[in-house]
C-alpha cells in the first residue's frame, strides 16, 4: 500500500450493517485509502438468522474471519461503532499484530475487570 495510505476496517453497531458507513466510505477512498466495511452476524446481508447468534464470538465471526485472512504484515485501522466495539476488542485481543490502531466511535470499550454489562448493572 502507498506510503501514508491506510486500510480502514469499519465495524457497525447494533441494528446496523455495513451500509451505515455509506457516507464515510467514499470520503476515505477518495483520499486513497483502502476501506472494508463488514456485516457482522445476522446483520446487513449476513445470511445468519438472529436466533443463530448466541455469543459475541458468533456475532463477530465475519470480522474474525476477515482479520484471519489478512496477510501477516498488513496492519489495519479498526473502527468500531456502538456494540461493534465488543467485536473490535475481540479482534484486538486475537490479532494484535494486524491492528495499527483501533478507534472506538461511541462504542462499547470493554476492560479486563468487568463484564460488558457492568455500566448497565450499576444503574439498575
C-alpha atoms as a PDB file:
ATOM      1  CA  UNK A   1       0.000   0.000   0.000  1.00  0.00           C
ATOM      2  CA  UNK A   2       1.217   3.529  -0.750  1.00  0.00           C
ATOM      3  CA  UNK A   3       3.056   5.465   1.937  1.00  0.00           C
ATOM      4  CA  UNK A   4       0.565   7.289   4.178  1.00  0.00           C
ATOM      5  CA  UNK A   5      -2.404   5.318   2.877  1.00  0.00           C
ATOM      6  CA  UNK A   6      -4.245   3.118   5.363  1.00  0.00           C
ATOM      7  CA  UNK A   7      -6.639   0.178   5.288  1.00  0.00           C
ATOM      8  CA  UNK A   8      -9.725   1.065   7.329  1.00  0.00           C
ATOM      9  CA  UNK A   9     -11.937  -1.760   8.596  1.00  0.00           C
ATOM     10  CA  UNK A  10     -15.341  -0.392   9.592  1.00  0.00           C
ATOM     11  CA  UNK A  11     -17.395  -2.348  12.118  1.00  0.00           C
ATOM     12  CA  UNK A  12     -21.036  -1.332  12.554  1.00  0.00           C
ATOM     13  CA  UNK A  13     -23.054  -1.228  15.749  1.00  0.00           C
ATOM     14  CA  UNK A  14     -26.300  -2.817  16.887  1.00  0.00           C
ATOM     15  CA  UNK A  15     -29.226  -2.907  14.448  1.00  0.00           C
ATOM     16  CA  UNK A  16     -26.984  -1.714  11.622  1.00  0.00           C
ATOM     17  CA  UNK A  17     -24.924  -3.225   8.845  1.00  0.00           C
ATOM     18  CA  UNK A  18     -22.028  -2.243   6.619  1.00  0.00           C
ATOM     19  CA  UNK A  19     -24.480   0.063   4.834  1.00  0.00           C
ATOM     20  CA  UNK A  20     -24.314   2.557   7.722  1.00  0.00           C
ATOM     21  CA  UNK A  21     -20.855   3.675   6.567  1.00  0.00           C
ATOM     22  CA  UNK A  22     -22.106   4.720   3.104  1.00  0.00           C
ATOM     23  CA  UNK A  23     -21.109   8.386   3.562  1.00  0.00           C
ATOM     24  CA  UNK A  24     -17.686   7.688   5.074  1.00  0.00           C
ATOM     25  CA  UNK A  25     -16.504   5.030   2.606  1.00  0.00           C
ATOM     26  CA  UNK A  26     -16.298   7.305  -0.471  1.00  0.00           C
ATOM     27  CA  UNK A  27     -14.547  10.017   1.561  1.00  0.00           C
ATOM     28  CA  UNK A  28     -11.841   7.620   2.703  1.00  0.00           C
ATOM     29  CA  UNK A  29     -11.479   6.053  -0.753  1.00  0.00           C
ATOM     30  CA  UNK A  30     -11.244   9.453  -2.450  1.00  0.00           C
ATOM     31  CA  UNK A  31      -8.263  10.146  -0.181  1.00  0.00           C
ATOM     32  CA  UNK A  32      -6.621   6.982  -1.478  1.00  0.00           C
ATOM     33  CA  UNK A  33      -7.291   4.715   1.486  1.00  0.00           C
ATOM     34  CA  UNK A  34      -8.479   1.131   1.265  1.00  0.00           C
ATOM     35  CA  UNK A  35     -11.798   0.504   3.045  1.00  0.00           C
ATOM     36  CA  UNK A  36     -13.522  -2.682   4.157  1.00  0.00           C
ATOM     37  CA  UNK A  37     -16.978  -2.482   5.762  1.00  0.00           C
ATOM     38  CA  UNK A  38     -18.276  -5.772   7.119  1.00  0.00           C
ATOM     39  CA  UNK A  39     -21.701  -7.104   8.024  1.00  0.00           C
ATOM     40  CA  UNK A  40     -21.457  -8.825  11.405  1.00  0.00           C
ATOM     41  CA  UNK A  41     -23.516 -11.902  12.276  1.00  0.00           C
ATOM     42  CA  UNK A  42     -27.228 -11.677  11.361  1.00  0.00           C
ATOM     43  CA  UNK A  43     -26.726  -8.084  10.191  1.00  0.00           C
ATOM     44  CA  UNK A  44     -26.985  -6.480   6.773  1.00  0.00           C
ATOM     45  CA  UNK A  45     -26.545  -9.189   4.139  1.00  0.00           C
ATOM     46  CA  UNK A  46     -25.037 -11.765   6.524  1.00  0.00           C
ATOM     47  CA  UNK A  47     -27.057 -14.962   5.946  1.00  0.00           C
ATOM     48  CA  UNK A  48     -27.260 -15.979   9.620  1.00  0.00           C
ATOM     49  CA  UNK A  49     -30.518 -15.553  11.499  1.00  0.00           C
ATOM     50  CA  UNK A  50     -30.630 -13.657  14.765  1.00  0.00           C
ATOM     51  CA  UNK A  51     -31.599 -16.812  16.672  1.00  0.00           C
ATOM     52  CA  UNK A  52     -28.346 -18.408  15.447  1.00  0.00           C
ATOM     53  CA  UNK A  53     -26.219 -15.755  17.193  1.00  0.00           C
ATOM     54  CA  UNK A  54     -25.730 -16.930  20.782  1.00  0.00           C
ATOM     55  CA  UNK A  55     -22.414 -15.287  21.706  1.00  0.00           C
ATOM     56  CA  UNK A  56     -20.276 -12.267  20.867  1.00  0.00           C
ATOM     57  CA  UNK A  57     -17.981 -14.707  19.060  1.00  0.00           C
ATOM     58  CA  UNK A  58     -20.875 -15.713  16.779  1.00  0.00           C
ATOM     59  CA  UNK A  59     -21.682 -12.066  16.140  1.00  0.00           C
ATOM     60  CA  UNK A  60     -18.039 -11.154  15.452  1.00  0.00           C
ATOM     61  CA  UNK A  61     -17.290 -14.191  13.265  1.00  0.00           C
ATOM     62  CA  UNK A  62     -17.274 -12.227   9.956  1.00  0.00           C
ATOM     63  CA  UNK A  63     -14.740  -9.766  11.397  1.00  0.00           C
ATOM     64  CA  UNK A  64     -12.599 -12.531  12.857  1.00  0.00           C
ATOM     65  CA  UNK A  65     -12.586 -14.448   9.556  1.00  0.00           C
ATOM     66  CA  UNK A  66     -11.639 -11.270   7.700  1.00  0.00           C
ATOM     67  CA  UNK A  67      -8.809 -10.482  10.123  1.00  0.00           C
ATOM     68  CA  UNK A  68      -7.506 -14.049   9.833  1.00  0.00           C
ATOM     69  CA  UNK A  69      -7.438 -13.689   6.029  1.00  0.00           C
ATOM     70  CA  UNK A  70      -5.195 -10.604   6.087  1.00  0.00           C
ATOM     71  CA  UNK A  71      -1.508 -11.072   5.277  1.00  0.00           C
ATOM     72  CA  UNK A  72       0.651 -11.259   8.402  1.00  0.00           C
ATOM     73  CA  UNK A  73       2.395  -7.974   7.549  1.00  0.00           C
ATOM     74  CA  UNK A  74      -0.787  -5.926   6.969  1.00  0.00           C
ATOM     75  CA  UNK A  75      -1.946  -3.654   9.783  1.00  0.00           C
ATOM     76  CA  UNK A  76      -5.384  -2.048   9.652  1.00  0.00           C
ATOM     77  CA  UNK A  77      -7.162   0.853  11.295  1.00  0.00           C
ATOM     78  CA  UNK A  78     -10.079  -0.808  13.059  1.00  0.00           C
ATOM     79  CA  UNK A  79     -13.107   1.451  13.598  1.00  0.00           C
ATOM     80  CA  UNK A  80     -15.995   0.203  15.731  1.00  0.00           C
ATOM     81  CA  UNK A  81     -19.287   1.920  16.453  1.00  0.00           C
ATOM     82  CA  UNK A  82     -21.670   1.142  19.317  1.00  0.00           C
ATOM     83  CA  UNK A  83     -21.776  -2.607  20.035  1.00  0.00           C
ATOM     84  CA  UNK A  84     -19.179  -3.035  17.286  1.00  0.00           C
ATOM     85  CA  UNK A  85     -16.675  -2.053  19.968  1.00  0.00           C
ATOM     86  CA  UNK A  86     -17.032  -5.504  21.523  1.00  0.00           C
ATOM     87  CA  UNK A  87     -16.156  -7.134  18.197  1.00  0.00           C
ATOM     88  CA  UNK A  88     -13.203  -4.770  17.799  1.00  0.00           C
ATOM     89  CA  UNK A  89     -11.934  -5.647  21.267  1.00  0.00           C
ATOM     90  CA  UNK A  90     -12.127  -9.350  20.423  1.00  0.00           C
ATOM     91  CA  UNK A  91     -10.205  -8.748  17.191  1.00  0.00           C
ATOM     92  CA  UNK A  92      -7.603  -6.685  19.059  1.00  0.00           C
ATOM     93  CA  UNK A  93      -7.068  -9.484  21.542  1.00  0.00           C
ATOM     94  CA  UNK A  94      -6.854 -12.178  18.851  1.00  0.00           C
ATOM     95  CA  UNK A  95      -4.898 -10.286  16.160  1.00  0.00           C
ATOM     96  CA  UNK A  96      -2.783  -7.633  17.933  1.00  0.00           C
ATOM     97  CA  UNK A  97      -0.120  -7.676  15.210  1.00  0.00           C
ATOM     98  CA  UNK A  98      -2.632  -6.915  12.466  1.00  0.00           C
ATOM     99  CA  UNK A  99      -4.089  -3.749  14.018  1.00  0.00           C
ATOM    100  CA  UNK A 100      -2.221  -0.439  13.803  1.00  0.00           C
ATOM    101  CA  UNK A 101      -4.817   1.409  15.857  1.00  0.00           C
ATOM    102  CA  UNK A 102      -8.418   0.941  16.969  1.00  0.00           C
ATOM    103  CA  UNK A 103     -10.998   3.714  17.088  1.00  0.00           C
ATOM    104  CA  UNK A 104     -13.998   3.288  19.390  1.00  0.00           C
ATOM    105  CA  UNK A 105     -16.646   5.619  17.979  1.00  0.00           C
ATOM    106  CA  UNK A 106     -19.367   5.945  20.634  1.00  0.00           C
ATOM    107  CA  UNK A 107     -18.634   2.283  21.194  1.00  0.00           C
ATOM    108  CA  UNK A 108     -18.510  -0.227  23.998  1.00  0.00           C
ATOM    109  CA  UNK A 109     -14.934  -0.415  25.204  1.00  0.00           C
ATOM    110  CA  UNK A 110     -14.604  -3.458  27.449  1.00  0.00           C
ATOM    111  CA  UNK A 111     -11.952  -3.795  30.100  1.00  0.00           C
ATOM    112  CA  UNK A 112     -10.344  -6.816  31.678  1.00  0.00           C
ATOM    113  CA  UNK A 113     -12.053  -6.469  35.067  1.00  0.00           C
ATOM    114  CA  UNK A 114     -15.764  -6.083  34.285  1.00  0.00           C
ATOM    115  CA  UNK A 115     -18.398  -7.774  32.160  1.00  0.00           C
ATOM    116  CA  UNK A 116     -19.756  -5.863  29.133  1.00  0.00           C
ATOM    117  CA  UNK A 117     -22.953  -5.139  31.118  1.00  0.00           C
ATOM    118  CA  UNK A 118     -21.067  -3.574  34.074  1.00  0.00           C
ATOM    119  CA  UNK A 119     -22.279   0.006  33.492  1.00  0.00           C
ATOM    120  CA  UNK A 120     -25.896  -1.071  32.995  1.00  0.00           C
ATOM    121  CA  UNK A 121     -25.715  -3.210  36.133  1.00  0.00           C
ATOM    122  CA  UNK A 122     -24.669  -0.138  38.137  1.00  0.00           C
ATOM    123  CA  UNK A 123     -27.752   1.894  37.222  1.00  0.00           C
ATOM    124  CA  UNK A 124     -30.382  -0.808  37.657  1.00  0.00           C
END
